[in-house]
């Protein structure tokens, strides 16, 4: 799939900016893209994560994974207030509803802008690996952004493999999506 698109280097590898929603979800997508001879740059952009201490745990886990796999990791600015403004009016939506679509849009647009700034022709997201996220919706949101690679990382046993690899790398695994509206114990789930 990536052989026909993306930024080429002299070594023949395709460069892709991979939005990492968290380290556990990045594991099997990275493994798959490496098997397709891609040069991966991880992009941690998750201003939706709340509270900031949770964001820090997930960021450290992404750093640990990038170090273990010898991958470059770009860390976006954490701006939770900007994300809250983006989803304003949808705070009481149920999980997997319109708020989530706006959240996907926010993170994918930030990834697209970073790919352009870095002169990387293609990007994708690890969001599609989770069994809790609707890949079809994520791919639809991404289809409107230049350079988006529509990869459903759930396929080829991606979710199960991500759990195995998370254990292997001893990565922090969270128990909620990330935003305060999906935290355990909230009435909005």
Protein backbone atom coordinates (compact mmCIF):
# COMPACT_ATOMS: atom_id res chain seq x y z
CA UNK A 1 0.00 0.00 0.00
CA UNK A 2 2.69 2.50 0.92
CA UNK A 3 4.87 1.64 -2.07
CA UNK A 4 2.98 4.07 -4.32
CA UNK A 5 2.79 7.06 -1.97
CA UNK A 6 4.82 8.84 0.62
CA UNK A 7 8.15 10.56 0.81
CA UNK A 8 11.01 8.53 -0.61
CA UNK A 9 14.54 8.44 0.66
CA UNK A 10 17.65 7.12 -1.02
CA UNK A 11 17.29 3.88 0.93
CA UNK A 12 13.97 3.23 -0.84
CA UNK A 13 11.85 3.41 2.28
CA UNK A 14 8.61 5.32 2.43
CA UNK A 15 8.44 7.87 5.23
CA UNK A 16 5.18 8.11 7.17
CA UNK A 17 4.16 10.27 10.11
CA UNK A 18 2.16 8.00 12.40
CA UNK A 19 -0.17 9.65 14.89
CA UNK A 20 0.16 7.62 18.08
CA UNK A 21 -2.89 7.89 20.33
CA UNK A 22 -0.93 5.89 22.93
CA UNK A 23 2.04 3.53 23.05
CA UNK A 24 0.01 0.29 23.31
CA UNK A 25 -1.99 1.19 20.20
CA UNK A 26 1.20 2.10 18.33
CA UNK A 27 2.86 -1.29 18.78
CA UNK A 28 1.24 -3.46 16.13
CA UNK A 29 0.83 -0.62 13.58
CA UNK A 30 4.57 0.08 13.85
CA UNK A 31 5.32 -3.62 13.47
CA UNK A 32 3.09 -3.81 10.39
CA UNK A 33 4.52 -0.68 8.77
CA UNK A 34 8.08 -1.86 9.44
CA UNK A 35 7.24 -5.15 7.70
CA UNK A 36 6.17 -3.02 4.70
CA UNK A 37 9.58 -1.30 4.75
CA UNK A 38 8.27 2.07 5.95
CA UNK A 39 10.35 4.65 7.77
CA UNK A 40 8.11 5.65 10.69
CA UNK A 41 8.13 8.83 12.69
CA UNK A 42 5.80 8.67 15.67
CA UNK A 43 3.71 11.76 16.39
CA UNK A 44 2.25 12.05 19.88
CA UNK A 45 -0.55 14.60 19.63
CA UNK A 46 -3.26 14.07 22.20
CA UNK A 47 -4.58 17.27 23.74
CA UNK A 48 -7.80 15.38 24.46
CA UNK A 49 -6.15 13.47 27.30
CA UNK A 50 -7.19 14.55 30.80
CA UNK A 51 -5.92 15.12 33.42
CA UNK A 52 -2.44 16.32 32.53
CA UNK A 53 -0.90 13.65 34.80
CA UNK A 54 -2.57 11.01 32.61
CA UNK A 55 -1.19 12.75 29.53
CA UNK A 56 2.30 12.62 31.07
CA UNK A 57 2.01 8.86 31.76
CA UNK A 58 0.95 8.17 28.19
CA UNK A 59 3.65 10.42 26.76
CA UNK A 60 6.33 8.66 28.83
CA UNK A 61 5.06 5.31 27.58
CA UNK A 62 5.31 6.59 23.98
CA UNK A 63 8.87 7.73 24.71
CA UNK A 64 9.70 4.28 26.10
CA UNK A 65 8.32 2.57 22.99
CA UNK A 66 10.12 4.90 20.59
CA UNK A 67 13.37 4.29 22.44
CA UNK A 68 12.87 0.50 22.44
CA UNK A 69 12.15 0.49 18.70
CA UNK A 70 14.70 3.19 17.80
CA UNK A 71 12.05 5.44 16.29
CA UNK A 72 11.94 9.19 16.19
CA UNK A 73 9.14 10.62 18.32
CA UNK A 74 7.75 14.08 17.76
CA UNK A 75 5.80 15.49 20.68
CA UNK A 76 3.06 17.97 19.87
CA UNK A 77 2.17 20.75 22.30
CA UNK A 78 -0.38 19.75 24.92
CA UNK A 79 -3.28 22.22 24.64
CA UNK A 80 -6.32 20.78 26.36
CA UNK A 81 -8.18 24.12 26.31
CA UNK A 82 -7.93 24.26 22.52
CA UNK A 83 -9.30 20.72 22.29
CA UNK A 84 -12.18 21.63 24.64
CA UNK A 85 -13.05 24.58 22.39
CA UNK A 86 -13.01 22.25 19.37
CA UNK A 87 -15.55 19.85 20.89
CA UNK A 88 -17.62 22.57 22.62
CA UNK A 89 -21.32 21.72 22.76
CA UNK A 90 -20.65 17.97 22.49
CA UNK A 91 -19.53 17.35 26.06
CA UNK A 92 -22.65 15.33 26.90
CA UNK A 93 -22.53 13.13 23.81
CA UNK A 94 -22.19 9.42 24.45
CA UNK A 95 -18.92 7.61 23.80
CA UNK A 96 -18.44 6.86 20.07
CA UNK A 97 -20.77 9.75 19.21
CA UNK A 98 -20.24 13.16 17.61
CA UNK A 99 -17.73 14.29 20.25
CA UNK A 100 -15.44 11.42 19.29
CA UNK A 101 -15.69 12.34 15.61
CA UNK A 102 -14.65 15.91 16.45
CA UNK A 103 -11.79 14.54 18.54
CA UNK A 104 -10.56 12.36 15.64
CA UNK A 105 -10.79 15.42 13.41
CA UNK A 106 -8.75 17.52 15.84
CA UNK A 107 -5.93 14.99 16.16
CA UNK A 108 -5.80 14.08 12.48
CA UNK A 109 -5.71 17.74 11.40
CA UNK A 110 -2.81 18.38 13.78
CA UNK A 111 -1.02 15.36 12.30
CA UNK A 112 -1.67 16.54 8.74
CA UNK A 113 -0.31 20.01 9.55
CA UNK A 114 2.81 18.50 11.12
CA UNK A 115 3.35 16.22 8.13
CA UNK A 116 3.17 19.24 5.82
CA UNK A 117 5.53 21.24 8.02
CA UNK A 118 8.00 18.33 8.02
CA UNK A 119 7.62 17.74 4.23
CA UNK A 120 6.32 14.21 4.81
CA UNK A 121 3.87 13.22 2.10
CA UNK A 122 1.81 10.69 4.03
CA UNK A 123 0.48 10.10 7.50
CA UNK A 124 -1.85 7.74 9.30
CA UNK A 125 -3.12 7.04 12.80
CA UNK A 126 -2.99 4.22 15.32
CA UNK A 127 -6.56 5.03 16.38
CA UNK A 128 -7.87 2.36 14.00
CA UNK A 129 -6.22 -0.48 15.94
CA UNK A 130 -8.51 -0.18 18.97
CA UNK A 131 -11.59 -2.37 19.16
CA UNK A 132 -13.20 0.58 20.99
CA UNK A 133 -12.87 2.95 18.02
CA UNK A 134 -14.89 2.77 14.79
CA UNK A 135 -12.28 2.47 12.03
CA UNK A 136 -14.80 3.35 9.34
CA UNK A 137 -15.46 6.73 10.98
CA UNK A 138 -11.76 7.47 11.54
CA UNK A 139 -10.95 6.61 7.92
CA UNK A 140 -13.79 8.85 6.73
CA UNK A 141 -12.48 11.79 8.79
CA UNK A 142 -8.97 11.21 7.46
CA UNK A 143 -10.12 10.93 3.85
CA UNK A 144 -10.65 14.70 3.78
CA UNK A 145 -7.02 15.43 4.63
CA UNK A 146 -4.22 15.53 2.05
CA UNK A 147 -1.72 12.72 2.51
CA UNK A 148 -3.85 10.52 4.75
CA UNK A 149 -3.15 6.79 4.40
CA UNK A 150 -6.39 4.89 5.16
CA UNK A 151 -5.01 1.91 7.06
CA UNK A 152 -7.30 -0.13 9.29
CA UNK A 153 -4.79 -1.48 11.77
CA UNK A 154 -7.47 -3.69 13.39
CA UNK A 155 -7.11 -5.99 10.41
CA UNK A 156 -4.55 -8.77 10.46
CA UNK A 157 -5.22 -9.33 14.17
CA UNK A 158 -3.89 -5.86 15.01
CA UNK A 159 -5.70 -5.34 18.30
CA UNK A 160 -4.73 -8.71 19.79
CA UNK A 161 -1.16 -8.24 18.62
CA UNK A 162 -1.05 -4.79 20.25
CA UNK A 163 -1.96 -6.36 23.59
CA UNK A 164 0.80 -8.96 23.21
CA UNK A 165 3.39 -6.36 22.27
CA UNK A 166 2.30 -4.01 25.07
CA UNK A 167 3.00 -6.76 27.57
CA UNK A 168 6.30 -7.58 25.90
CA UNK A 169 7.44 -3.94 26.14
CA UNK A 170 5.85 -3.49 29.58
CA UNK A 171 3.88 -0.43 28.44
CA UNK A 172 1.42 1.53 30.52
CA UNK A 173 -2.13 0.57 29.50
CA UNK A 174 -4.85 3.05 30.34
CA UNK A 175 -8.45 2.12 31.18
CA UNK A 176 -10.22 4.90 29.28
CA UNK A 177 -10.00 6.75 25.98
CA UNK A 178 -8.39 9.83 27.44
CA UNK A 179 -10.83 12.69 27.73
CA UNK A 180 -12.61 13.57 30.95
CA UNK A 181 -15.91 12.60 29.33
CA UNK A 182 -14.80 8.98 28.94
CA UNK A 183 -13.22 8.51 32.36
CA UNK A 184 -14.45 5.51 34.35
CA UNK A 185 -17.34 6.48 36.58
CA UNK A 186 -18.63 9.29 34.38
CA UNK A 187 -22.32 9.15 33.46
CA UNK A 188 -21.59 9.94 29.78
CA UNK A 189 -20.12 6.58 28.79
